[in-house]
Amino acid sequence: MKAIKVMATINEQGQITLDRPLMTEKNSRVELIVLIPEAGEINEDDKNKEEIIADLRQAWHEAMTGQTIPVAQLWEGLEDV
C-alpha cells in the first residue's frame, strides 16, 4: 500500500475536499485516515500557499540579481551554538 499526504477541508455536509488533486490511478478505491488536529495543535503562524510562493519568488529574485550572502558568512558565530 502506498501513502500520500495531502491537506483537505471538511465542509458543513461532512464531505472532504482535497487541496490538490491526487496524481494516481483514477477510479480506484482508497483507504482514508483522517487526522483532525485538536484546538491547541493548530498553528496560526503557518504560512498559506500564497505566502510561501511569494517568499520563494523573492528569494529567487535575490539569487538571480546577486543579492546573496556567502555560506561561510552564514555559519559565522554559529560554531558555539
N, C-alpha and C. Protein backbone atom coordinates (compact mmCIF):
# COMPACT_ATOMS: atom_id res chain seq x y z
N MET A 1 0.85 -1.17 0.00
CA MET A 1 0.00 0.00 0.00
C MET A 1 0.90 1.24 0.00
N LYS A 2 0.53 2.24 -0.78
CA LYS A 2 1.28 3.48 -0.90
C LYS A 2 0.56 4.57 -0.11
N ALA A 3 1.33 5.45 0.59
CA ALA A 3 0.74 6.54 1.36
C ALA A 3 0.99 7.86 0.66
N ILE A 4 -0.02 8.71 0.63
CA ILE A 4 0.08 10.05 0.07
C ILE A 4 -0.50 11.00 1.11
N LYS A 5 0.28 12.03 1.47
CA LYS A 5 -0.22 13.01 2.43
C LYS A 5 -0.70 14.24 1.68
N VAL A 6 -1.92 14.65 1.96
CA VAL A 6 -2.49 15.84 1.32
C VAL A 6 -3.44 16.49 2.32
N MET A 7 -3.47 17.81 2.33
CA MET A 7 -4.38 18.53 3.21
C MET A 7 -5.76 18.63 2.56
N ALA A 8 -6.78 18.76 3.38
CA ALA A 8 -8.14 18.81 2.88
C ALA A 8 -9.00 19.63 3.85
N THR A 9 -10.23 19.90 3.42
CA THR A 9 -11.18 20.64 4.23
C THR A 9 -12.46 19.82 4.33
N ILE A 10 -13.07 19.82 5.51
CA ILE A 10 -14.35 19.15 5.70
C ILE A 10 -15.43 20.23 5.68
N ASN A 11 -16.41 20.10 4.79
CA ASN A 11 -17.46 21.12 4.68
C ASN A 11 -18.61 20.83 5.66
N GLU A 12 -19.65 21.66 5.61
CA GLU A 12 -20.78 21.54 6.53
C GLU A 12 -21.52 20.21 6.39
N GLN A 13 -21.46 19.60 5.21
CA GLN A 13 -22.11 18.32 4.98
C GLN A 13 -21.22 17.13 5.38
N GLY A 14 -20.02 17.43 5.88
CA GLY A 14 -19.11 16.37 6.30
C GLY A 14 -18.32 15.76 5.15
N GLN A 15 -18.36 16.40 3.98
CA GLN A 15 -17.62 15.89 2.83
C GLN A 15 -16.22 16.50 2.81
N ILE A 16 -15.27 15.72 2.34
CA ILE A 16 -13.87 16.14 2.29
C ILE A 16 -13.52 16.64 0.90
N THR A 17 -12.88 17.81 0.85
CA THR A 17 -12.38 18.37 -0.40
C THR A 17 -10.87 18.50 -0.28
N LEU A 18 -10.14 17.83 -1.17
CA LEU A 18 -8.68 17.89 -1.13
C LEU A 18 -8.18 19.23 -1.64
N ASP A 19 -7.06 19.70 -1.07
CA ASP A 19 -6.47 20.97 -1.51
C ASP A 19 -5.88 20.87 -2.91
N ARG A 20 -5.52 19.68 -3.33
CA ARG A 20 -4.96 19.47 -4.67
C ARG A 20 -5.36 18.08 -5.14
N PRO A 21 -5.43 17.88 -6.45
CA PRO A 21 -5.79 16.55 -6.96
C PRO A 21 -4.72 15.51 -6.65
N LEU A 22 -5.13 14.28 -6.51
CA LEU A 22 -4.18 13.18 -6.34
C LEU A 22 -3.72 12.71 -7.71
N MET A 23 -2.43 12.63 -7.89
CA MET A 23 -1.86 12.16 -9.15
C MET A 23 -1.62 10.66 -9.04
N THR A 24 -2.68 9.91 -9.24
CA THR A 24 -2.61 8.46 -9.12
C THR A 24 -3.64 7.84 -10.04
N GLU A 25 -3.70 6.54 -10.02
CA GLU A 25 -4.64 5.81 -10.87
C GLU A 25 -6.08 6.23 -10.55
N LYS A 26 -6.83 6.57 -11.58
CA LYS A 26 -8.21 7.04 -11.39
C LYS A 26 -9.17 5.86 -11.21
N ASN A 27 -10.32 6.15 -10.66
CA ASN A 27 -11.38 5.16 -10.44
C ASN A 27 -10.92 3.97 -9.61
N SER A 28 -10.09 4.25 -8.59
CA SER A 28 -9.64 3.16 -7.71
C SER A 28 -10.10 3.46 -6.29
N ARG A 29 -10.32 2.43 -5.53
CA ARG A 29 -10.73 2.58 -4.13
C ARG A 29 -9.50 2.95 -3.31
N VAL A 30 -9.71 3.72 -2.25
CA VAL A 30 -8.64 4.11 -1.34
C VAL A 30 -9.10 3.91 0.09
N GLU A 31 -8.14 3.79 0.96
CA GLU A 31 -8.41 3.75 2.39
C GLU A 31 -8.03 5.12 2.94
N LEU A 32 -8.92 5.75 3.67
CA LEU A 32 -8.71 7.12 4.13
C LEU A 32 -8.60 7.15 5.64
N ILE A 33 -7.53 7.76 6.14
CA ILE A 33 -7.37 8.01 7.57
C ILE A 33 -7.40 9.52 7.75
N VAL A 34 -8.33 10.03 8.53
CA VAL A 34 -8.47 11.47 8.72
C VAL A 34 -7.88 11.84 10.07
N LEU A 35 -6.91 12.76 10.06
CA LEU A 35 -6.29 13.25 11.28
C LEU A 35 -6.79 14.67 11.52
N ILE A 36 -7.55 14.85 12.60
CA ILE A 36 -8.12 16.16 12.90
C ILE A 36 -7.35 16.74 14.08
N PRO A 37 -6.68 17.90 13.88
CA PRO A 37 -5.91 18.48 14.98
C PRO A 37 -6.81 18.97 16.11
N GLU A 38 -6.31 18.85 17.33
CA GLU A 38 -7.00 19.41 18.48
C GLU A 38 -6.85 20.92 18.40
N ALA A 39 -7.70 21.66 19.10
CA ALA A 39 -7.69 23.13 19.03
C ALA A 39 -6.31 23.70 19.36
N GLY A 40 -5.60 23.16 20.32
CA GLY A 40 -4.29 23.67 20.71
C GLY A 40 -3.19 23.32 19.73
N GLU A 41 -3.43 22.38 18.82
CA GLU A 41 -2.41 21.96 17.87
C GLU A 41 -2.38 22.80 16.61
N ILE A 42 -3.39 23.61 16.37
CA ILE A 42 -3.44 24.42 15.17
C ILE A 42 -2.49 25.59 15.33
N ASN A 43 -1.57 25.73 14.37
CA ASN A 43 -0.59 26.79 14.41
C ASN A 43 -1.02 27.91 13.48
N GLU A 44 -1.48 29.00 14.06
CA GLU A 44 -1.95 30.12 13.26
C GLU A 44 -0.81 30.81 12.52
N ASP A 45 0.44 30.52 12.90
CA ASP A 45 1.60 31.13 12.26
C ASP A 45 1.98 30.42 10.97
N ASP A 46 1.39 29.26 10.69
CA ASP A 46 1.70 28.54 9.46
C ASP A 46 1.37 29.42 8.26
N LYS A 47 2.29 29.44 7.30
CA LYS A 47 2.06 30.26 6.11
C LYS A 47 1.15 29.53 5.13
N ASN A 48 0.32 30.29 4.46
CA ASN A 48 -0.51 29.68 3.44
C ASN A 48 0.28 29.58 2.13
N LYS A 49 -0.29 28.93 1.16
CA LYS A 49 0.39 28.67 -0.11
C LYS A 49 0.85 29.96 -0.79
N GLU A 50 -0.01 30.98 -0.78
CA GLU A 50 0.33 32.24 -1.45
C GLU A 50 1.54 32.91 -0.81
N GLU A 51 1.62 32.87 0.53
CA GLU A 51 2.76 33.46 1.23
C GLU A 51 4.05 32.71 0.92
N ILE A 52 3.97 31.39 0.86
CA ILE A 52 5.14 30.58 0.56
C ILE A 52 5.63 30.87 -0.85
N ILE A 53 4.71 30.96 -1.81
CA ILE A 53 5.09 31.26 -3.19
C ILE A 53 5.71 32.65 -3.29
N ALA A 54 5.14 33.64 -2.58
CA ALA A 54 5.70 34.99 -2.60
C ALA A 54 7.12 35.00 -2.03
N ASP A 55 7.34 34.26 -0.93
CA ASP A 55 8.68 34.17 -0.35
C ASP A 55 9.65 33.51 -1.31
N LEU A 56 9.21 32.46 -1.99
CA LEU A 56 10.06 31.77 -2.94
C LEU A 56 10.43 32.69 -4.11
N ARG A 57 9.45 33.43 -4.61
CA ARG A 57 9.73 34.37 -5.71
C ARG A 57 10.73 35.44 -5.29
N GLN A 58 10.58 35.95 -4.06
CA GLN A 58 11.51 36.96 -3.56
C GLN A 58 12.91 36.39 -3.44
N ALA A 59 13.02 35.17 -2.90
CA ALA A 59 14.32 34.53 -2.75
C ALA A 59 14.95 34.27 -4.12
N TRP A 60 14.16 33.83 -5.08
CA TRP A 60 14.67 33.59 -6.43
C TRP A 60 15.17 34.89 -7.07
N HIS A 61 14.40 35.97 -6.89
CA HIS A 61 14.79 37.27 -7.42
C HIS A 61 16.13 37.71 -6.81
N GLU A 62 16.26 37.56 -5.50
CA GLU A 62 17.50 37.94 -4.83
C GLU A 62 18.68 37.11 -5.33
N ALA A 63 18.46 35.83 -5.53
CA ALA A 63 19.53 34.96 -6.02
C ALA A 63 19.93 35.34 -7.44
N MET A 64 18.96 35.63 -8.30
CA MET A 64 19.24 35.95 -9.69
C MET A 64 19.88 37.33 -9.86
N THR A 65 19.67 38.22 -8.90
CA THR A 65 20.23 39.57 -9.00
C THR A 65 21.48 39.73 -8.14
N GLY A 66 22.02 38.62 -7.64
CA GLY A 66 23.26 38.66 -6.89
C GLY A 66 23.15 39.17 -5.47
N GLN A 67 21.97 39.23 -4.94
CA GLN A 67 21.77 39.68 -3.56
C GLN A 67 21.87 38.49 -2.62
N THR A 68 23.07 37.91 -2.56
CA THR A 68 23.28 36.69 -1.78
C THR A 68 24.34 36.92 -0.71
N ILE A 69 24.40 36.00 0.23
CA ILE A 69 25.40 36.02 1.30
C ILE A 69 26.18 34.70 1.20
N PRO A 70 27.52 34.76 1.25
CA PRO A 70 28.30 33.52 1.20
C PRO A 70 27.93 32.58 2.35
N VAL A 71 27.92 31.29 2.08
CA VAL A 71 27.55 30.30 3.09
C VAL A 71 28.47 30.41 4.30
N ALA A 72 29.76 30.64 4.08
CA ALA A 72 30.70 30.75 5.20
C ALA A 72 30.27 31.87 6.14
N GLN A 73 29.74 32.95 5.60
CA GLN A 73 29.29 34.07 6.43
C GLN A 73 28.05 33.68 7.24
N LEU A 74 27.20 32.84 6.67
CA LEU A 74 26.01 32.39 7.40
C LEU A 74 26.39 31.59 8.64
N TRP A 75 27.49 30.85 8.57
CA TRP A 75 27.91 29.98 9.68
C TRP A 75 28.68 30.73 10.76
N GLU A 76 29.12 31.97 10.47
CA GLU A 76 29.90 32.73 11.45
C GLU A 76 29.10 32.91 12.73
N GLY A 77 29.73 32.60 13.84
CA GLY A 77 29.09 32.76 15.14
C GLY A 77 28.20 31.62 15.54
N LEU A 78 27.99 30.65 14.66
CA LEU A 78 27.14 29.51 15.00
C LEU A 78 27.91 28.31 15.52
N GLU A 79 29.23 28.37 15.45
CA GLU A 79 30.04 27.23 15.87
C GLU A 79 29.82 26.87 17.34
N ASP A 80 29.57 27.87 18.18
CA ASP A 80 29.43 27.65 19.61
C ASP A 80 27.99 27.43 20.05
N VAL A 81 27.07 27.41 19.10
CA VAL A 81 25.65 27.25 19.48
C VAL A 81 25.32 25.80 19.64
